[in-house]
Amino acid sequence: MTAVAVWSAADLERRVIGALDFAAAVVSDFGETGYADAVRPALGFGPEKVVAEAAMLAYVAHDVSASKALRDRVDALARRLEPLVRSPRALADMALNPDQVFRRTVPHVLLTVLGHRDDAFDDFAGHQCARVLSHAVDQPATVLAERRWITGVWGRQLPTVGDAESGTVLTHPFDLLVGSREDPYGLTHLLFYLTNFGRAATAEVGRHHDAILTDVEALVIRYLDHGDYDLVGELLMAWPLLRQEWSPVAAFAFRVLAHVEDEVGVLPCGNVDSERLATLAGAERTRYARAASYHTALVMGFLCAVGLRGDSAPPAVLVGPEYPDDAWQTLRSMIEDHRGDWLPVFDRCGEAEKRTMAPMLCGLVITQALRQQNFAAIHEALDAARRFALAPHPLQTAATDLLRALGAAMDVGARYDIET
């Protein structure tokens, strides 16, 4: 196999350092008080959330590079987090609220791994976690996976956490006709915990890696179309976490995220109200922008950090089977002038890359048609996939299933009409 040029390690490290710096600023802003949004209360969050995510970024980034600059950033962030992670408020929360014990314990354990110990806090957290694990639970698979992961990282003698991945997207195909964002997030977090953020090279995750990544790729296409960079970034971590070669679609999506981050200065999310932002100034403007975008910015840091681990960097060029020019041109014409950031990035691709990306364009046409319930466009996309002999894809299967179900429903409905 011909070697494929990969993304510059120096550039990936630059992005990780930027995310660590951003995390430090966000912790300074929200690490004690959290954030309350009077206009959209749902966008508010408590201080423990940003503290935990910053600690996790430091944990993921701490051993991916020998760079002194990166190590110094990790250590500085950990020191900033220590008094917030092991605060009187955290201790009271762990004593009074069993459902908060692990949420408060995770960042403590991660700081301990980074060399920032507190034995008294550790003993108290261990006692409280053992108590939680000794009682009956009815928790989602992601919660159980997180508990199993953190107890493994911690190394304390604690009651065993049960295996709950059976019946999840790691053991069954993903239903792409379901539009909820919760299931994709569940998939990404299960992969985080089962692979220990890419450190467990042979992690058992249920289905074959190729089958899981095929579903993940379909989700990348969906949320790239939506401009949901938070979720796209988490999904793209699947390739380096599973130590698998990046697909052309995944490599293209990373190119889009890097382009957007470079254009904006930080990877943006969909929560920012540009009109509201324009009315704000000074510290109030900065605070709102950071609160709305911090998670997506940190996700880019996670993604670049795991891309630095081993041979996991995304390809710098898109290499794969090439289809005829009229394949990508036909599918590109169906998309017309989509407003997403991915379209100008695609239009700048070389001709060989465009020929490789024909199946992705087909997936984007299907995604848009499913969202709009444009059944004629679905038919047209599936017909193009057959005519150009595109590789089978879960989005094509989902679209076919939908049309068949709709046809069967119409047949049943027609029978009822006749009988009445």
Protein backbone atom coordinates (compact mmCIF):
# COMPACT_ATOMS: atom_id res chain seq x y z
CA MET A 1 0.00 0.00 0.00
CA THR A 2 1.32 3.44 -0.92
CA ALA A 3 2.07 5.62 2.09
CA VAL A 4 -0.39 8.50 2.47
CA ALA A 5 0.76 11.89 3.75
CA VAL A 6 -0.71 12.62 7.17
CA TRP A 7 -1.64 15.80 8.96
CA SER A 8 1.29 17.68 10.45
CA ALA A 9 1.98 16.67 14.06
CA ALA A 10 3.14 20.23 14.73
CA ASP A 11 -0.21 21.57 13.57
CA LEU A 12 -2.16 19.04 15.66
CA GLU A 13 -0.08 19.98 18.70
CA ARG A 14 -0.68 23.68 18.03
CA ARG A 15 -4.41 23.04 18.12
CA VAL A 16 -4.17 21.01 21.35
CA ILE A 17 -2.20 23.81 23.01
CA GLY A 18 -4.82 26.29 21.84
CA ALA A 19 -7.56 24.15 23.38
CA LEU A 20 -5.66 23.86 26.66
CA ASP A 21 -5.23 27.65 26.77
CA PHE A 22 -8.92 28.09 26.01
CA ALA A 23 -9.80 25.59 28.75
CA ALA A 24 -7.71 27.56 31.26
CA ALA A 25 -9.56 30.76 30.35
CA VAL A 26 -12.94 29.05 30.63
CA VAL A 27 -12.05 27.57 34.01
CA SER A 28 -11.11 31.06 35.20
CA ASP A 29 -14.47 32.36 34.00
CA PHE A 30 -16.79 29.56 35.11
CA GLY A 31 -14.86 27.17 37.37
CA GLU A 32 -16.32 28.64 40.56
CA THR A 33 -19.70 30.04 39.54
CA GLY A 34 -20.75 28.22 36.39
CA TYR A 35 -22.79 30.12 33.86
CA ALA A 36 -26.44 31.25 33.95
CA ASP A 37 -28.05 32.44 30.73
CA ALA A 38 -31.03 34.69 31.37
CA VAL A 39 -32.13 34.62 27.72
CA ARG A 40 -31.78 30.86 27.15
CA PRO A 41 -31.63 29.13 30.55
CA ALA A 42 -30.97 25.75 28.92
CA LEU A 43 -27.51 26.97 27.89
CA GLY A 44 -26.44 27.45 31.50
CA PHE A 45 -24.18 24.98 33.28
CA GLY A 46 -22.71 24.39 36.72
CA PRO A 47 -19.04 24.87 37.55
CA GLU A 48 -18.47 21.13 37.96
CA LYS A 49 -19.19 20.54 34.27
CA VAL A 50 -16.49 22.80 32.88
CA VAL A 51 -14.03 21.64 35.56
CA ALA A 52 -14.59 17.97 34.67
CA GLU A 53 -14.22 18.56 30.93
CA ALA A 54 -11.04 20.60 31.40
CA ALA A 55 -9.57 17.85 33.59
CA MET A 56 -10.43 15.27 30.95
CA LEU A 57 -8.72 17.32 28.23
CA ALA A 58 -5.59 17.55 30.38
CA TYR A 59 -5.70 13.78 30.93
CA VAL A 60 -6.09 13.01 27.22
CA ALA A 61 -3.32 15.43 26.21
CA HIS A 62 -0.73 14.72 28.90
CA ASP A 63 1.12 11.86 27.20
CA VAL A 64 0.62 12.42 23.48
CA SER A 65 3.72 14.57 22.87
CA ALA A 66 7.19 15.12 24.29
CA SER A 67 6.84 18.85 23.69
CA LYS A 68 7.72 20.93 26.75
CA ALA A 69 5.22 23.60 25.70
CA LEU A 70 2.36 21.09 25.72
CA ARG A 71 3.47 19.46 28.99
CA ASP A 72 3.72 22.85 30.67
CA ARG A 73 0.17 23.75 29.53
CA VAL A 74 -1.19 20.47 30.91
CA ASP A 75 0.55 20.98 34.25
CA ALA A 76 -0.60 24.61 34.51
CA LEU A 77 -4.20 23.61 33.80
CA ALA A 78 -4.05 20.80 36.37
CA ARG A 79 -2.74 23.20 39.03
CA ARG A 80 -5.52 25.64 38.24
CA LEU A 81 -8.08 22.85 38.59
CA GLU A 82 -6.85 21.38 41.90
CA PRO A 83 -8.65 23.75 44.31
CA LEU A 84 -11.84 23.55 42.24
CA VAL A 85 -11.88 19.76 41.97
CA ARG A 86 -11.17 19.24 45.68
CA SER A 87 -13.24 22.09 47.03
CA PRO A 88 -15.48 22.16 50.13
CA ARG A 89 -18.43 22.33 47.74
CA ALA A 90 -17.29 19.12 46.04
CA LEU A 91 -16.90 17.35 49.38
CA ALA A 92 -20.35 18.43 50.53
CA ASP A 93 -21.86 17.36 47.24
CA MET A 94 -20.30 13.90 47.54
CA ALA A 95 -21.51 13.55 51.12
CA LEU A 96 -25.08 14.69 50.46
CA ASN A 97 -25.80 13.48 46.93
CA PRO A 98 -24.86 9.90 46.01
CA ASP A 99 -25.76 10.56 42.36
CA GLN A 100 -22.99 13.19 42.22
CA VAL A 101 -20.22 11.07 43.74
CA PHE A 102 -18.72 9.80 40.50
CA ARG A 103 -19.16 13.11 38.71
CA ARG A 104 -17.04 14.72 41.41
CA THR A 105 -14.58 11.83 41.60
CA VAL A 106 -13.67 11.62 37.89
CA PRO A 107 -11.67 14.89 37.71
CA HIS A 108 -9.97 14.07 41.03
CA VAL A 109 -8.76 10.71 39.69
CA LEU A 110 -7.54 12.32 36.46
CA LEU A 111 -5.55 14.93 38.40
CA THR A 112 -4.06 12.11 40.47
CA VAL A 113 -2.91 10.35 37.28
CA LEU A 114 -1.31 13.64 36.22
CA GLY A 115 0.75 13.64 39.43
CA HIS A 116 -1.39 16.00 41.51
CA ARG A 117 -2.31 13.87 44.53
CA ASP A 118 -4.47 14.48 47.59
CA ASP A 119 -4.57 11.34 49.71
CA ALA A 120 -7.22 12.52 52.17
CA PHE A 121 -9.61 13.47 49.36
CA ASP A 122 -8.76 10.20 47.64
CA ASP A 123 -9.71 8.10 50.67
CA PHE A 124 -13.00 9.96 51.12
CA ALA A 125 -13.86 9.65 47.41
CA GLY A 126 -12.98 5.96 47.46
CA HIS A 127 -15.29 5.33 50.42
CA GLN A 128 -18.18 7.20 48.78
CA CYS A 129 -17.71 5.45 45.43
CA ALA A 130 -17.61 2.04 47.14
CA ARG A 131 -20.87 2.89 48.86
CA VAL A 132 -22.52 3.86 45.55
CA LEU A 133 -21.31 0.68 43.85
CA SER A 134 -22.60 -1.48 46.72
CA HIS A 135 -26.21 -0.44 46.08
CA ALA A 136 -28.61 -1.34 43.29
CA VAL A 137 -28.39 0.81 40.17
CA ASP A 138 -30.55 1.53 37.15
CA GLN A 139 -28.19 3.56 35.01
CA PRO A 140 -27.60 4.00 31.26
CA ALA A 141 -24.78 2.04 29.64
CA THR A 142 -22.69 5.21 29.28
CA VAL A 143 -22.82 5.85 33.03
CA LEU A 144 -21.78 2.29 33.84
CA ALA A 145 -19.01 2.41 31.23
CA GLU A 146 -17.69 5.64 32.72
CA ARG A 147 -17.67 4.13 36.20
CA ARG A 148 -15.87 1.02 34.99
CA TRP A 149 -13.33 3.17 33.15
CA ILE A 150 -12.55 5.53 36.02
CA THR A 151 -12.27 2.73 38.60
CA GLY A 152 -9.83 0.99 36.25
CA VAL A 153 -7.76 4.14 35.84
CA TRP A 154 -7.90 4.77 39.59
CA GLY A 155 -6.69 1.35 40.65
CA ARG A 156 -8.44 1.31 44.06
CA GLN A 157 -10.09 -1.84 45.37
CA LEU A 158 -13.77 -1.15 44.64
CA PRO A 159 -16.87 -3.26 43.91
CA THR A 160 -16.99 -4.43 40.31
CA VAL A 161 -19.02 -2.37 37.83
CA GLY A 162 -21.20 -4.49 35.56
CA ASP A 163 -20.88 -4.69 31.77
CA ALA A 164 -23.83 -2.91 30.14
CA GLU A 165 -22.78 -2.48 26.49
CA SER A 166 -25.07 -5.26 25.25
CA GLY A 167 -27.96 -3.77 23.31
CA THR A 168 -26.13 -0.51 22.62
CA VAL A 169 -24.79 0.79 19.30
CA LEU A 170 -21.59 -1.13 20.02
CA THR A 171 -23.42 -4.44 19.62
CA HIS A 172 -26.25 -3.52 17.23
CA PRO A 173 -26.46 -1.42 14.05
CA PHE A 174 -27.29 2.24 14.50
CA ASP A 175 -30.79 3.26 13.39
CA LEU A 176 -30.14 6.22 11.11
CA LEU A 177 -33.85 6.96 10.83
CA VAL A 178 -33.85 8.10 14.46
CA GLY A 179 -32.94 11.77 14.67
CA SER A 180 -32.05 12.08 18.37
CA ARG A 181 -28.58 13.43 19.21
CA GLU A 182 -28.47 11.40 22.43
CA ASP A 183 -27.66 8.07 20.76
CA PRO A 184 -24.65 9.41 18.80
CA TYR A 185 -23.36 11.03 21.98
CA GLY A 186 -23.83 7.72 23.78
CA LEU A 187 -21.79 5.98 21.08
CA THR A 188 -18.92 8.46 21.32
CA HIS A 189 -18.76 8.29 25.10
CA LEU A 190 -18.83 4.51 25.16
CA LEU A 191 -15.81 4.54 22.86
CA PHE A 192 -14.04 7.09 25.08
CA TYR A 193 -14.41 4.91 28.14
CA LEU A 194 -13.93 1.44 26.64
CA THR A 195 -10.71 2.47 24.88
CA ASN A 196 -9.46 4.73 27.69
CA PHE A 197 -9.22 7.50 25.09
CA GLY A 198 -7.20 5.36 22.72
CA ARG A 199 -4.79 3.90 25.26
CA ALA A 200 -6.40 0.42 25.13
CA ALA A 201 -5.25 -0.74 21.70
CA THR A 202 -7.25 -4.00 21.72
CA ALA A 203 -10.42 -2.85 23.45
CA GLU A 204 -13.38 -5.20 23.12
CA VAL A 205 -16.24 -3.05 21.86
CA GLY A 206 -18.82 -5.60 20.66
CA ARG A 207 -19.20 -5.48 16.88
CA HIS A 208 -16.30 -5.56 14.45
CA HIS A 209 -14.53 -2.21 14.27
CA ASP A 210 -15.31 -1.82 10.56
CA ALA A 211 -19.05 -2.22 11.19
CA ILE A 212 -19.00 0.35 13.98
CA LEU A 213 -16.99 2.83 11.91
CA THR A 214 -19.34 2.45 8.94
CA ASP A 215 -22.19 3.61 11.16
CA VAL A 216 -20.05 6.38 12.64
CA GLU A 217 -19.20 7.59 9.14
CA ALA A 218 -22.89 7.86 8.31
CA LEU A 219 -23.37 9.96 11.45
CA VAL A 220 -20.42 12.16 10.51
CA ILE A 221 -22.12 12.87 7.18
CA ARG A 222 -25.40 13.68 8.92
CA TYR A 223 -23.94 16.11 11.44
CA LEU A 224 -21.50 17.64 8.98
CA ASP A 225 -24.60 18.54 6.96
CA HIS A 226 -26.15 20.01 10.12
CA GLY A 227 -23.02 22.02 10.96
CA ASP A 228 -22.95 20.32 14.37
CA TYR A 229 -19.18 20.46 14.91
CA ASP A 230 -19.42 19.41 18.53
CA LEU A 231 -20.83 16.03 17.54
CA VAL A 232 -18.74 15.70 14.37
CA GLY A 233 -15.58 16.20 16.43
CA GLU A 234 -16.58 13.54 18.95
CA LEU A 235 -17.54 11.10 16.21
CA LEU A 236 -14.23 11.57 14.37
CA MET A 237 -12.40 10.41 17.48
CA ALA A 238 -13.67 6.89 16.73
CA TRP A 239 -10.92 6.24 14.15
CA PRO A 240 -7.92 7.05 16.36
CA LEU A 241 -9.59 5.56 19.45
CA LEU A 242 -10.00 2.22 17.66
CA ARG A 243 -6.56 2.57 16.00
CA GLN A 244 -8.11 2.26 12.55
CA GLU A 245 -7.13 3.94 9.29
CA TRP A 246 -9.16 7.09 8.69
CA SER A 247 -11.75 6.79 5.92
CA PRO A 248 -11.81 9.45 3.18
CA VAL A 249 -15.05 10.84 4.64
CA ALA A 250 -13.52 11.10 8.13
CA ALA A 251 -10.38 12.74 6.73
CA PHE A 252 -12.51 15.23 4.79
CA ALA A 253 -14.59 16.07 7.87
CA PHE A 254 -11.42 16.74 9.86
CA ARG A 255 -10.26 19.05 7.08
CA VAL A 256 -13.54 20.96 7.39
CA LEU A 257 -13.21 21.33 11.17
CA ALA A 258 -9.61 22.52 10.87
CA HIS A 259 -10.61 25.03 8.19
CA VAL A 260 -13.47 26.41 10.29
CA GLU A 261 -11.28 26.62 13.41
CA ASP A 262 -8.65 28.55 11.45
CA GLU A 263 -11.27 30.88 10.00
CA VAL A 264 -13.00 31.67 13.30
CA GLY A 265 -10.12 31.25 15.73
CA VAL A 266 -11.99 28.61 17.74
CA LEU A 267 -14.22 25.79 16.53
CA PRO A 268 -17.72 27.28 16.86
CA CYS A 269 -20.92 25.58 17.93
CA GLY A 270 -24.49 26.14 16.86
CA ASN A 271 -25.54 27.74 20.15
CA VAL A 272 -24.10 31.20 19.50
CA ASP A 273 -26.77 33.76 18.66
CA SER A 274 -24.89 36.10 16.30
CA GLU A 275 -27.47 38.87 16.69
CA ARG A 276 -27.26 38.72 20.46
CA LEU A 277 -23.46 38.58 20.30
CA ALA A 278 -23.43 41.75 18.22
CA THR A 279 -25.30 43.62 20.98
CA LEU A 280 -22.72 42.71 23.63
CA ALA A 281 -19.36 44.33 24.30
CA GLY A 282 -16.25 43.86 26.38
CA ALA A 283 -16.17 41.25 29.14
CA GLU A 284 -19.88 40.46 28.72
CA ARG A 285 -19.36 39.61 25.04
CA THR A 286 -16.32 37.44 25.81
CA ARG A 287 -18.11 35.64 28.62
CA TYR A 288 -21.14 34.83 26.45
CA ALA A 289 -18.99 33.66 23.51
CA ARG A 290 -16.87 31.42 25.75
CA ALA A 291 -19.88 29.93 27.52
CA ALA A 292 -21.60 29.08 24.24
CA SER A 293 -18.56 27.64 22.47
CA TYR A 294 -16.28 26.18 25.13
CA HIS A 295 -17.38 22.56 24.76
CA THR A 296 -16.89 22.46 20.99
CA ALA A 297 -13.49 24.12 21.34
CA LEU A 298 -12.43 21.49 23.87
CA VAL A 299 -13.73 18.70 21.63
CA MET A 300 -11.34 19.89 18.91
CA GLY A 301 -8.56 19.63 21.48
CA PHE A 302 -9.59 16.08 22.35
CA LEU A 303 -9.70 15.13 18.67
CA CYS A 304 -6.27 16.54 17.87
CA ALA A 305 -4.76 15.00 21.01
CA VAL A 306 -5.91 11.47 20.19
CA GLY A 307 -4.75 12.10 16.62
CA LEU A 308 -1.24 12.62 18.02
CA ARG A 309 -1.24 9.24 19.73
CA GLY A 310 0.73 6.58 17.86
CA ASP A 311 -0.01 6.47 14.14
CA SER A 312 -3.46 8.01 14.47
CA ALA A 313 -3.06 11.32 12.62
CA PRO A 314 -5.70 12.05 9.97
CA PRO A 315 -4.58 11.87 6.34
CA ALA A 316 -3.69 15.15 4.65
CA VAL A 317 -5.04 13.87 1.31
CA LEU A 318 -8.22 11.96 0.50
CA VAL A 319 -7.36 8.58 -0.98
CA GLY A 320 -9.82 5.84 -1.88
CA PRO A 321 -11.72 4.26 -4.77
CA GLU A 322 -12.33 6.79 -7.52
CA TYR A 323 -15.65 7.02 -9.35
CA PRO A 324 -16.31 8.63 -12.73
CA ASP A 325 -16.41 12.43 -12.89
CA ASP A 326 -20.09 12.39 -13.75
CA ALA A 327 -20.80 10.59 -10.44
CA TRP A 328 -19.63 13.42 -8.18
CA GLN A 329 -20.83 16.07 -10.63
CA THR A 330 -24.34 14.60 -10.73
CA LEU A 331 -24.56 14.36 -6.94
CA ARG A 332 -23.01 17.80 -6.45
CA SER A 333 -25.73 19.28 -8.65
CA MET A 334 -28.41 17.75 -6.38
CA ILE A 335 -26.98 19.61 -3.39
CA GLU A 336 -26.92 22.97 -5.17
CA ASP A 337 -25.85 25.83 -2.86
CA HIS A 338 -25.94 24.26 0.57
CA ARG A 339 -25.05 26.76 3.30
CA GLY A 340 -22.73 24.42 5.19
CA ASP A 341 -19.02 25.09 5.65
CA TRP A 342 -18.18 21.75 4.06
CA LEU A 343 -19.27 22.78 0.55
CA PRO A 344 -16.54 25.35 -0.22
CA VAL A 345 -13.99 22.95 1.27
CA PHE A 346 -15.22 20.24 -1.10
CA ASP A 347 -15.19 22.59 -4.07
CA ARG A 348 -11.50 23.30 -3.42
CA CYS A 349 -10.59 19.60 -3.46
CA GLY A 350 -8.56 18.20 -6.33
CA GLU A 351 -10.27 16.25 -9.08
CA ALA A 352 -9.07 12.87 -7.81
CA GLU A 353 -10.34 13.70 -4.31
CA LYS A 354 -13.73 14.71 -5.70
CA ARG A 355 -14.00 11.39 -7.52
CA THR A 356 -13.25 9.61 -4.26
CA MET A 357 -15.90 11.58 -2.38
CA ALA A 358 -18.87 10.66 -4.60
CA PRO A 359 -20.33 8.29 -1.94
CA MET A 360 -20.13 11.08 0.66
CA LEU A 361 -22.06 13.42 -1.65
CA CYS A 362 -24.69 10.72 -2.08
CA GLY A 363 -24.94 10.44 1.72
CA LEU A 364 -25.32 14.20 2.03
CA VAL A 365 -28.11 14.26 -0.57
CA ILE A 366 -29.89 11.48 1.33
CA THR A 367 -29.37 13.20 4.69
CA GLN A 368 -30.84 16.45 3.45
CA ALA A 369 -33.73 14.66 1.74
CA LEU A 370 -34.54 12.66 4.88
CA ARG A 371 -34.56 15.82 6.98
CA GLN A 372 -36.89 17.54 4.52
CA GLN A 373 -38.96 14.38 3.87
CA ASN A 374 -38.25 14.93 0.17
CA PHE A 375 -39.02 11.42 -1.06
CA ALA A 376 -38.41 12.26 -4.70
CA ALA A 377 -34.88 13.38 -3.86
CA ILE A 378 -34.32 10.15 -1.91
CA HIS A 379 -35.36 8.15 -4.99
CA GLU A 380 -33.05 10.24 -7.14
CA ALA A 381 -30.07 9.73 -4.84
CA LEU A 382 -30.62 5.98 -4.61
CA ASP A 383 -30.93 5.77 -8.38
CA ALA A 384 -27.61 7.65 -8.75
CA ALA A 385 -25.97 5.26 -6.29
CA ARG A 386 -27.09 2.31 -8.44
CA ARG A 387 -26.14 3.90 -11.76
CA PHE A 388 -22.64 4.79 -10.61
CA ALA A 389 -22.17 1.56 -8.62
CA LEU A 390 -21.31 3.43 -5.43
CA ALA A 391 -20.18 1.37 -2.49
CA PRO A 392 -23.11 0.32 -0.25
CA HIS A 393 -23.60 2.61 2.73
CA PRO A 394 -25.87 2.62 5.81
CA LEU A 395 -27.50 5.87 4.67
CA GLN A 396 -28.56 4.19 1.43
CA THR A 397 -29.93 1.26 3.45
CA ALA A 398 -31.81 3.57 5.82
CA ALA A 399 -33.32 5.50 2.91
CA THR A 400 -34.40 2.26 1.21
CA ASP A 401 -35.93 1.01 4.47
CA LEU A 402 -37.89 4.26 4.81
CA LEU A 403 -39.28 4.08 1.29
CA ARG A 404 -40.26 0.44 1.74
CA ALA A 405 -41.96 1.18 5.07
CA LEU A 406 -43.78 4.12 3.52
CA GLY A 407 -44.94 1.98 0.61
CA ALA A 408 -46.15 -0.77 2.97
CA ALA A 409 -47.99 1.81 5.08
CA MET A 410 -49.70 3.17 1.96
CA ASP A 411 -50.76 -0.34 0.96
CA VAL A 412 -52.29 -0.95 4.37
CA GLY A 413 -53.94 2.46 4.34
CA ALA A 414 -55.45 1.81 0.90
CA ARG A 415 -57.00 -1.41 2.19
CA TYR A 416 -58.58 0.45 5.09
CA ASP A 417 -59.97 3.05 2.72
CA ILE A 418 -61.61 0.37 0.60
CA GLU A 419 -63.13 -1.38 3.62
CA THR A 420 -64.62 1.83 5.00
